[in-house]
Amino acid sequence: MDKKFYVYIILTERNTFYCGYTDNVEKRYQLHLKGMGAKYTKANKPVKLLWQKKFDTKNEAQKEEYRIKHLSRKEKEKIIFG
């Protein structure tokens, strides 16, 4: 069975978005909630997992994460809410 990778976006208590990638979204989100997922989510507590998308390779997921991180808030909202 091939491993899948995911890009995800979390809403923080400061009403900001955090974007990351992982091979296990639920496990990674739980780390964010414990303050161990990333420096950003340690300082900006996660409120809700808003969006995720599956990719076949780590490279594809990393490229999409990079792309999303460079979008404006309005562009990120279009991805999340359609």
PDB file of N, CA and C in Angstrom:
ATOM      1  N   MET A   1       0.839  -1.183   0.000  1.00  0.00           N
ATOM      2  CA  MET A   1       0.000   0.000   0.000  1.00  0.00           C
ATOM      3  C   MET A   1       0.884   1.246   0.000  1.00  0.00           C
ATOM      4  N   ASP A   2       0.606   2.144  -0.934  1.00  0.00           N
ATOM      5  CA  ASP A   2       1.385   3.370  -1.038  1.00  0.00           C
ATOM      6  C   ASP A   2       0.980   4.375   0.022  1.00  0.00           C
ATOM      7  N   LYS A   3       1.960   5.061   0.538  1.00  0.00           N
ATOM      8  CA  LYS A   3       1.723   6.109   1.524  1.00  0.00           C
ATOM      9  C   LYS A   3       1.162   7.342   0.818  1.00  0.00           C
ATOM     10  N   LYS A   4       0.195   7.986   1.443  1.00  0.00           N
ATOM     11  CA  LYS A   4      -0.379   9.215   0.894  1.00  0.00           C
ATOM     12  C   LYS A   4       0.058  10.386   1.761  1.00  0.00           C
ATOM     13  N   PHE A   5       0.076  11.556   1.179  1.00  0.00           N
ATOM     14  CA  PHE A   5       0.442  12.772   1.883  1.00  0.00           C
ATOM     15  C   PHE A   5      -0.686  13.786   1.739  1.00  0.00           C
ATOM     16  N   TYR A   6      -0.776  14.666   2.715  1.00  0.00           N
ATOM     17  CA  TYR A   6      -1.875  15.618   2.770  1.00  0.00           C
ATOM     18  C   TYR A   6      -1.366  17.027   3.044  1.00  0.00           C
ATOM     19  N   VAL A   7      -2.032  17.980   2.445  1.00  0.00           N
ATOM     20  CA  VAL A   7      -1.836  19.387   2.784  1.00  0.00           C
ATOM     21  C   VAL A   7      -3.091  19.785   3.545  1.00  0.00           C
ATOM     22  N   TYR A   8      -2.921  20.551   4.606  1.00  0.00           N
ATOM     23  CA  TYR A   8      -4.056  20.919   5.442  1.00  0.00           C
ATOM     24  C   TYR A   8      -3.953  22.382   5.863  1.00  0.00           C
ATOM     25  N   ILE A   9      -5.103  22.942   6.215  1.00  0.00           N
ATOM     26  CA  ILE A   9      -5.152  24.318   6.714  1.00  0.00           C
ATOM     27  C   ILE A   9      -5.932  24.318   8.024  1.00  0.00           C
ATOM     28  N   ILE A  10      -5.333  24.958   9.027  1.00  0.00           N
ATOM     29  CA  ILE A  10      -5.914  25.076  10.365  1.00  0.00           C
ATOM     30  C   ILE A  10      -6.266  26.541  10.623  1.00  0.00           C
ATOM     31  N   LEU A  11      -7.392  26.747  11.279  1.00  0.00           N
ATOM     32  CA  LEU A  11      -7.757  28.076  11.765  1.00  0.00           C
ATOM     33  C   LEU A  11      -7.205  28.215  13.181  1.00  0.00           C
ATOM     34  N   THR A  12      -6.574  29.357  13.494  1.00  0.00           N
ATOM     35  CA  THR A  12      -6.037  29.577  14.833  1.00  0.00           C
ATOM     36  C   THR A  12      -6.938  30.521  15.624  1.00  0.00           C
ATOM     37  N   GLU A  13      -6.690  30.600  16.925  1.00  0.00           N
ATOM     38  CA  GLU A  13      -7.509  31.447  17.790  1.00  0.00           C
ATOM     39  C   GLU A  13      -7.362  32.934  17.450  1.00  0.00           C
ATOM     40  N   ARG A  14      -6.323  33.282  16.748  1.00  0.00           N
ATOM     41  CA  ARG A  14      -6.130  34.676  16.310  1.00  0.00           C
ATOM     42  C   ARG A  14      -6.725  34.929  14.929  1.00  0.00           C
ATOM     43  N   ASN A  15      -7.549  33.985  14.487  1.00  0.00           N
ATOM     44  CA  ASN A  15      -8.224  34.064  13.192  1.00  0.00           C
ATOM     45  C   ASN A  15      -7.242  34.112  12.017  1.00  0.00           C
ATOM     46  N   THR A  16      -6.130  33.381  12.161  1.00  0.00           N
ATOM     47  CA  THR A  16      -5.177  33.248  11.074  1.00  0.00           C
ATOM     48  C   THR A  16      -5.216  31.811  10.571  1.00  0.00           C
ATOM     49  N   PHE A  17      -4.627  31.586   9.414  1.00  0.00           N
ATOM     50  CA  PHE A  17      -4.553  30.247   8.840  1.00  0.00           C
ATOM     51  C   PHE A  17      -3.128  29.716   8.962  1.00  0.00           C
ATOM     52  N   TYR A  18      -3.023  28.435   9.277  1.00  0.00           N
ATOM     53  CA  TYR A  18      -1.736  27.742   9.249  1.00  0.00           C
ATOM     54  C   TYR A  18      -1.853  26.615   8.234  1.00  0.00           C
ATOM     55  N   CYS A  19      -0.888  26.528   7.331  1.00  0.00           N
ATOM     56  CA  CYS A  19      -0.873  25.482   6.311  1.00  0.00           C
ATOM     57  C   CYS A  19       0.330  24.585   6.543  1.00  0.00           C
ATOM     58  N   GLY A  20       0.116  23.269   6.428  1.00  0.00           N
ATOM     59  CA  GLY A  20       1.203  22.317   6.573  1.00  0.00           C
ATOM     60  C   GLY A  20       0.949  21.076   5.732  1.00  0.00           C
ATOM     61  N   TYR A  21       1.907  20.140   5.773  1.00  0.00           N
ATOM     62  CA  TYR A  21       1.712  18.859   5.087  1.00  0.00           C
ATOM     63  C   TYR A  21       2.108  17.736   6.026  1.00  0.00           C
ATOM     64  N   THR A  22       1.547  16.559   5.790  1.00  0.00           N
ATOM     65  CA  THR A  22       1.800  15.413   6.651  1.00  0.00           C
ATOM     66  C   THR A  22       1.363  14.132   5.941  1.00  0.00           C
ATOM     67  N   ASP A  23       1.671  12.999   6.552  1.00  0.00           N
ATOM     68  CA  ASP A  23       1.147  11.725   6.044  1.00  0.00           C
ATOM     69  C   ASP A  23       0.028  11.216   6.951  1.00  0.00           C
ATOM     70  N   ASN A  24      -0.274  11.971   8.029  1.00  0.00           N
ATOM     71  CA  ASN A  24      -1.346  11.586   8.949  1.00  0.00           C
ATOM     72  C   ASN A  24      -1.948  12.862   9.545  1.00  0.00           C
ATOM     73  N   VAL A  25      -3.023  13.340   8.964  1.00  0.00           N
ATOM     74  CA  VAL A  25      -3.608  14.620   9.346  1.00  0.00           C
ATOM     75  C   VAL A  25      -4.078  14.635  10.801  1.00  0.00           C
ATOM     76  N   GLU A  26      -4.782  13.613  11.232  1.00  0.00           N
ATOM     77  CA  GLU A  26      -5.310  13.609  12.600  1.00  0.00           C
ATOM     78  C   GLU A  26      -4.184  13.613  13.632  1.00  0.00           C
ATOM     79  N   LYS A  27      -3.178  12.791  13.421  1.00  0.00           N
ATOM     80  CA  LYS A  27      -2.040  12.737  14.348  1.00  0.00           C
ATOM     81  C   LYS A  27      -1.315  14.087  14.386  1.00  0.00           C
ATOM     82  N   ARG A  28      -1.122  14.683  13.226  1.00  0.00           N
ATOM     83  CA  ARG A  28      -0.440  15.977  13.138  1.00  0.00           C
ATOM     84  C   ARG A  28      -1.260  17.076  13.812  1.00  0.00           C
ATOM     85  N   TYR A  29      -2.571  17.068  13.598  1.00  0.00           N
ATOM     86  CA  TYR A  29      -3.447  18.066  14.221  1.00  0.00           C
ATOM     87  C   TYR A  29      -3.393  17.943  15.746  1.00  0.00           C
ATOM     88  N   GLN A  30      -3.377  16.730  16.263  1.00  0.00           N
ATOM     89  CA  GLN A  30      -3.284  16.523  17.708  1.00  0.00           C
ATOM     90  C   GLN A  30      -1.960  17.085  18.255  1.00  0.00           C
ATOM     91  N   LEU A  31      -0.879  16.947  17.496  1.00  0.00           N
ATOM     92  CA  LEU A  31       0.395  17.543  17.908  1.00  0.00           C
ATOM     93  C   LEU A  31       0.294  19.066  17.957  1.00  0.00           C
ATOM     94  N   HIS A  32      -0.370  19.650  16.953  1.00  0.00           N
ATOM     95  CA  HIS A  32      -0.583  21.106  16.951  1.00  0.00           C
ATOM     96  C   HIS A  32      -1.369  21.528  18.204  1.00  0.00           C
ATOM     97  N   LEU A  33      -2.406  20.776  18.541  1.00  0.00           N
ATOM     98  CA  LEU A  33      -3.221  21.114  19.711  1.00  0.00           C
ATOM     99  C   LEU A  33      -2.403  21.066  21.005  1.00  0.00           C
ATOM    100  N   LYS A  34      -1.411  20.185  21.053  1.00  0.00           N
ATOM    101  CA  LYS A  34      -0.562  20.045  22.239  1.00  0.00           C
ATOM    102  C   LYS A  34       0.594  21.047  22.252  1.00  0.00           C
ATOM    103  N   GLY A  35       0.669  21.885  21.190  1.00  0.00           N
ATOM    104  CA  GLY A  35       1.749  22.864  21.105  1.00  0.00           C
ATOM    105  C   GLY A  35       3.057  22.289  20.609  1.00  0.00           C
ATOM    106  N   MET A  36       2.986  21.104  19.993  1.00  0.00           N
ATOM    107  CA  MET A  36       4.195  20.432  19.530  1.00  0.00           C
ATOM    108  C   MET A  36       4.241  20.270  18.008  1.00  0.00           C
ATOM    109  N   GLY A  37       3.278  20.822  17.291  1.00  0.00           N
ATOM    110  CA  GLY A  37       3.206  20.620  15.848  1.00  0.00           C
ATOM    111  C   GLY A  37       4.100  21.533  15.045  1.00  0.00           C
ATOM    112  N   ALA A  38       4.194  22.793  15.467  1.00  0.00           N
ATOM    113  CA  ALA A  38       5.001  23.787  14.759  1.00  0.00           C
ATOM    114  C   ALA A  38       5.143  25.012  15.643  1.00  0.00           C
ATOM    115  N   LYS A  39       6.201  25.751  15.409  1.00  0.00           N
ATOM    116  CA  LYS A  39       6.439  26.976  16.179  1.00  0.00           C
ATOM    117  C   LYS A  39       5.233  27.920  16.077  1.00  0.00           C
ATOM    118  N   TYR A  40       4.685  28.044  14.869  1.00  0.00           N
ATOM    119  CA  TYR A  40       3.569  28.969  14.646  1.00  0.00           C
ATOM    120  C   TYR A  40       2.333  28.574  15.455  1.00  0.00           C
ATOM    121  N   THR A  41       1.988  27.293  15.453  1.00  0.00           N
ATOM    122  CA  THR A  41       0.786  26.874  16.177  1.00  0.00           C
ATOM    123  C   THR A  41       1.021  26.745  17.682  1.00  0.00           C
ATOM    124  N   LYS A  42       2.271  26.797  18.096  1.00  0.00           N
ATOM    125  CA  LYS A  42       2.548  26.854  19.531  1.00  0.00           C
ATOM    126  C   LYS A  42       2.173  28.247  20.050  1.00  0.00           C
ATOM    127  N   ALA A  43       2.457  29.274  19.247  1.00  0.00           N
ATOM    128  CA  ALA A  43       2.155  30.658  19.614  1.00  0.00           C
ATOM    129  C   ALA A  43       0.733  31.068  19.233  1.00  0.00           C
ATOM    130  N   ASN A  44       0.163  30.402  18.244  1.00  0.00           N
ATOM    131  CA  ASN A  44      -1.182  30.696  17.735  1.00  0.00           C
ATOM    132  C   ASN A  44      -2.000  29.411  17.811  1.00  0.00           C
ATOM    133  N   LYS A  45      -2.688  29.230  18.910  1.00  0.00           N
ATOM    134  CA  LYS A  45      -3.364  27.957  19.182  1.00  0.00           C
ATOM    135  C   LYS A  45      -4.410  27.595  18.115  1.00  0.00           C
ATOM    136  N   PRO A  46      -4.372  26.341  17.668  1.00  0.00           N
ATOM    137  CA  PRO A  46      -5.342  25.868  16.677  1.00  0.00           C
ATOM    138  C   PRO A  46      -6.757  25.813  17.263  1.00  0.00           C
ATOM    139  N   VAL A  47      -7.729  26.149  16.417  1.00  0.00           N
ATOM    140  CA  VAL A  47      -9.136  26.097  16.803  1.00  0.00           C
ATOM    141  C   VAL A  47      -9.859  24.999  16.031  1.00  0.00           C
ATOM    142  N   LYS A  48      -9.545  24.895  14.729  1.00  0.00           N
ATOM    143  CA  LYS A  48     -10.282  23.956  13.886  1.00  0.00           C
ATOM    144  C   LYS A  48      -9.469  23.598  12.649  1.00  0.00           C
ATOM    145  N   LEU A  49      -9.537  22.325  12.282  1.00  0.00           N
ATOM    146  CA  LEU A  49      -8.979  21.877  11.008  1.00  0.00           C
ATOM    147  C   LEU A  49     -10.022  22.219   9.947  1.00  0.00           C
ATOM    148  N   LEU A  50      -9.660  23.112   9.026  1.00  0.00           N
ATOM    149  CA  LEU A  50     -10.634  23.612   8.051  1.00  0.00           C
ATOM    150  C   LEU A  50     -10.646  22.858   6.732  1.00  0.00           C
ATOM    151  N   TRP A  51      -9.485  22.367   6.294  1.00  0.00           N
ATOM    152  CA  TRP A  51      -9.372  21.852   4.929  1.00  0.00           C
ATOM    153  C   TRP A  51      -8.206  20.885   4.837  1.00  0.00           C
ATOM    154  N   GLN A  52      -8.349  19.891   3.964  1.00  0.00           N
ATOM    155  CA  GLN A  52      -7.243  18.994   3.650  1.00  0.00           C
ATOM    156  C   GLN A  52      -7.402  18.430   2.260  1.00  0.00           C
ATOM    157  N   LYS A  53      -6.285  18.100   1.651  1.00  0.00           N
ATOM    158  CA  LYS A  53      -6.288  17.514   0.312  1.00  0.00           C
ATOM    159  C   LYS A  53      -5.206  16.450   0.242  1.00  0.00           C
ATOM    160  N   LYS A  54      -5.527  15.330  -0.398  1.00  0.00           N
ATOM    161  CA  LYS A  54      -4.621  14.179  -0.495  1.00  0.00           C
ATOM    162  C   LYS A  54      -3.759  14.263  -1.757  1.00  0.00           C
ATOM    163  N   PHE A  55      -2.492  13.838  -1.605  1.00  0.00           N
ATOM    164  CA  PHE A  55      -1.544  13.787  -2.722  1.00  0.00           C
ATOM    165  C   PHE A  55      -0.865  12.425  -2.740  1.00  0.00           C
ATOM    166  N   ASP A  56      -0.425  12.019  -3.916  1.00  0.00           N
ATOM    167  CA  ASP A  56       0.212  10.716  -4.072  1.00  0.00           C
ATOM    168  C   ASP A  56       1.668  10.700  -3.616  1.00  0.00           C
ATOM    169  N   THR A  57       2.334  11.867  -3.679  1.00  0.00           N
ATOM    170  CA  THR A  57       3.741  11.909  -3.291  1.00  0.00           C
ATOM    171  C   THR A  57       4.012  13.050  -2.315  1.00  0.00           C
ATOM    172  N   LYS A  58       5.067  12.869  -1.538  1.00  0.00           N
ATOM    173  CA  LYS A  58       5.491  13.902  -0.591  1.00  0.00           C
ATOM    174  C   LYS A  58       5.852  15.182  -1.337  1.00  0.00           C
ATOM    175  N   ASN A  59       6.521  15.030  -2.474  1.00  0.00           N
ATOM    176  CA  ASN A  59       6.943  16.177  -3.272  1.00  0.00           C
ATOM    177  C   ASN A  59       5.750  17.021  -3.731  1.00  0.00           C
ATOM    178  N   GLU A  60       4.700  16.352  -4.196  1.00  0.00           N
ATOM    179  CA  GLU A  60       3.491  17.076  -4.628  1.00  0.00           C
ATOM    180  C   GLU A  60       2.879  17.845  -3.463  1.00  0.00           C
ATOM    181  N   ALA A  61       2.815  17.209  -2.310  1.00  0.00           N
ATOM    182  CA  ALA A  61       2.243  17.851  -1.125  1.00  0.00           C
ATOM    183  C   ALA A  61       3.088  19.052  -0.704  1.00  0.00           C
ATOM    184  N   GLN A  62       4.390  18.902  -0.723  1.00  0.00           N
ATOM    185  CA  GLN A  62       5.278  20.000  -0.342  1.00  0.00           C
ATOM    186  C   GLN A  62       5.142  21.191  -1.290  1.00  0.00           C
ATOM    187  N   LYS A  63       5.022  20.901  -2.567  1.00  0.00           N
ATOM    188  CA  LYS A  63       4.854  21.974  -3.560  1.00  0.00           C
ATOM    189  C   LYS A  63       3.537  22.726  -3.332  1.00  0.00           C
ATOM    190  N   GLU A  64       2.474  21.979  -3.040  1.00  0.00           N
ATOM    191  CA  GLU A  64       1.171  22.616  -2.805  1.00  0.00           C
ATOM    192  C   GLU A  64       1.194  23.414  -1.505  1.00  0.00           C
ATOM    193  N   GLU A  65       1.833  22.886  -0.469  1.00  0.00           N
ATOM    194  CA  GLU A  65       1.964  23.629   0.786  1.00  0.00           C
ATOM    195  C   GLU A  65       2.685  24.956   0.533  1.00  0.00           C
ATOM    196  N   TYR A  66       3.778  24.908  -0.190  1.00  0.00           N
ATOM    197  CA  TYR A  66       4.554  26.111  -0.503  1.00  0.00           C
ATOM    198  C   TYR A  66       3.695  27.124  -1.267  1.00  0.00           C
ATOM    199  N   ARG A  67       2.964  26.624  -2.256  1.00  0.00           N
ATOM    200  CA  ARG A  67       2.107  27.500  -3.062  1.00  0.00           C
ATOM    201  C   ARG A  67       1.058  28.181  -2.191  1.00  0.00           C
ATOM    202  N   ILE A  68       0.379  27.404  -1.354  1.00  0.00           N
ATOM    203  CA  ILE A  68      -0.678  27.941  -0.502  1.00  0.00           C
ATOM    204  C   ILE A  68      -0.127  28.959   0.493  1.00  0.00           C
ATOM    205  N   LYS A  69       1.036  28.673   1.072  1.00  0.00           N
ATOM    206  CA  LYS A  69       1.618  29.588   2.050  1.00  0.00           C
ATOM    207  C   LYS A  69       1.914  30.964   1.455  1.00  0.00           C
ATOM    208  N   HIS A  70       2.046  31.043   0.150  1.00  0.00           N
ATOM    209  CA  HIS A  70       2.340  32.312  -0.500  1.00  0.00           C
ATOM    210  C   HIS A  70       1.101  33.008  -1.064  1.00  0.00           C
ATOM    211  N   LEU A  71      -0.064  32.465  -0.809  1.00  0.00           N
ATOM    212  CA  LEU A  71      -1.306  33.082  -1.270  1.00  0.00           C
ATOM    213  C   LEU A  71      -1.789  34.134  -0.267  1.00  0.00           C
ATOM    214  N   SER A  72      -2.633  35.024  -0.746  1.00  0.00           N
ATOM    215  CA  SER A  72      -3.259  35.998   0.152  1.00  0.00           C
ATOM    216  C   SER A  72      -4.324  35.286   0.982  1.00  0.00           C
ATOM    217  N   ARG A  73      -4.777  35.934   2.031  1.00  0.00           N
ATOM    218  CA  ARG A  73      -5.832  35.357   2.860  1.00  0.00           C
ATOM    219  C   ARG A  73      -7.084  35.087   2.013  1.00  0.00           C
ATOM    220  N   LYS A  74      -7.412  36.036   1.146  1.00  0.00           N
ATOM    221  CA  LYS A  74      -8.600  35.886   0.303  1.00  0.00           C
ATOM    222  C   LYS A  74      -8.474  34.654  -0.608  1.00  0.00           C
ATOM    223  N   GLU A  75      -7.293  34.440  -1.153  1.00  0.00           N
ATOM    224  CA  GLU A  75      -7.063  33.277  -2.015  1.00  0.00           C
ATOM    225  C   GLU A  75      -7.147  31.977  -1.204  1.00  0.00           C
ATOM    226  N   LYS A  76      -6.636  31.998   0.026  1.00  0.00           N
ATOM    227  CA  LYS A  76      -6.735  30.815   0.891  1.00  0.00           C
ATOM    228  C   LYS A  76      -8.194  30.526   1.226  1.00  0.00           C
ATOM    229  N   GLU A  77      -8.967  31.568   1.472  1.00  0.00           N
ATOM    230  CA  GLU A  77     -10.399  31.390   1.763  1.00  0.00           C
ATOM    231  C   GLU A  77     -11.132  30.752   0.592  1.00  0.00           C
ATOM    232  N   LYS A  78     -10.731  31.080  -0.637  1.00  0.00           N
ATOM    233  CA  LYS A  78     -11.349  30.454  -1.821  1.00  0.00           C
ATOM    234  C   LYS A  78     -11.070  28.961  -1.852  1.00  0.00           C
ATOM    235  N   ILE A  79      -9.847  28.566  -1.464  1.00  0.00           N
ATOM    236  CA  ILE A  79      -9.507  27.146  -1.413  1.00  0.00           C
ATOM    237  C   ILE A  79     -10.339  26.448  -0.341  1.00  0.00           C
ATOM    238  N   ILE A  80     -10.422  27.040   0.834  1.00  0.00           N
ATOM    239  CA  ILE A  80     -11.095  26.432   1.964  1.00  0.00           C
ATOM    240  C   ILE A  80     -12.613  26.363   1.785  1.00  0.00           C
ATOM    241  N   PHE A  81     -13.191  27.482   1.412  1.00  0.00           N
ATOM    242  CA  PHE A  81     -14.647  27.591   1.385  1.00  0.00           C
ATOM    243  C   PHE A  81     -15.272  27.493   0.000  1.00  0.00           C
ATOM    244  N   GLY A  82     -14.414  27.398  -1.030  1.00  0.00           N
ATOM    245  CA  GLY A  82     -14.907  27.232  -2.389  1.00  0.00           C
ATOM    246  C   GLY A  82     -15.309  28.487  -3.103  1.00  0.00           C
TER     247      GLY A  82
END
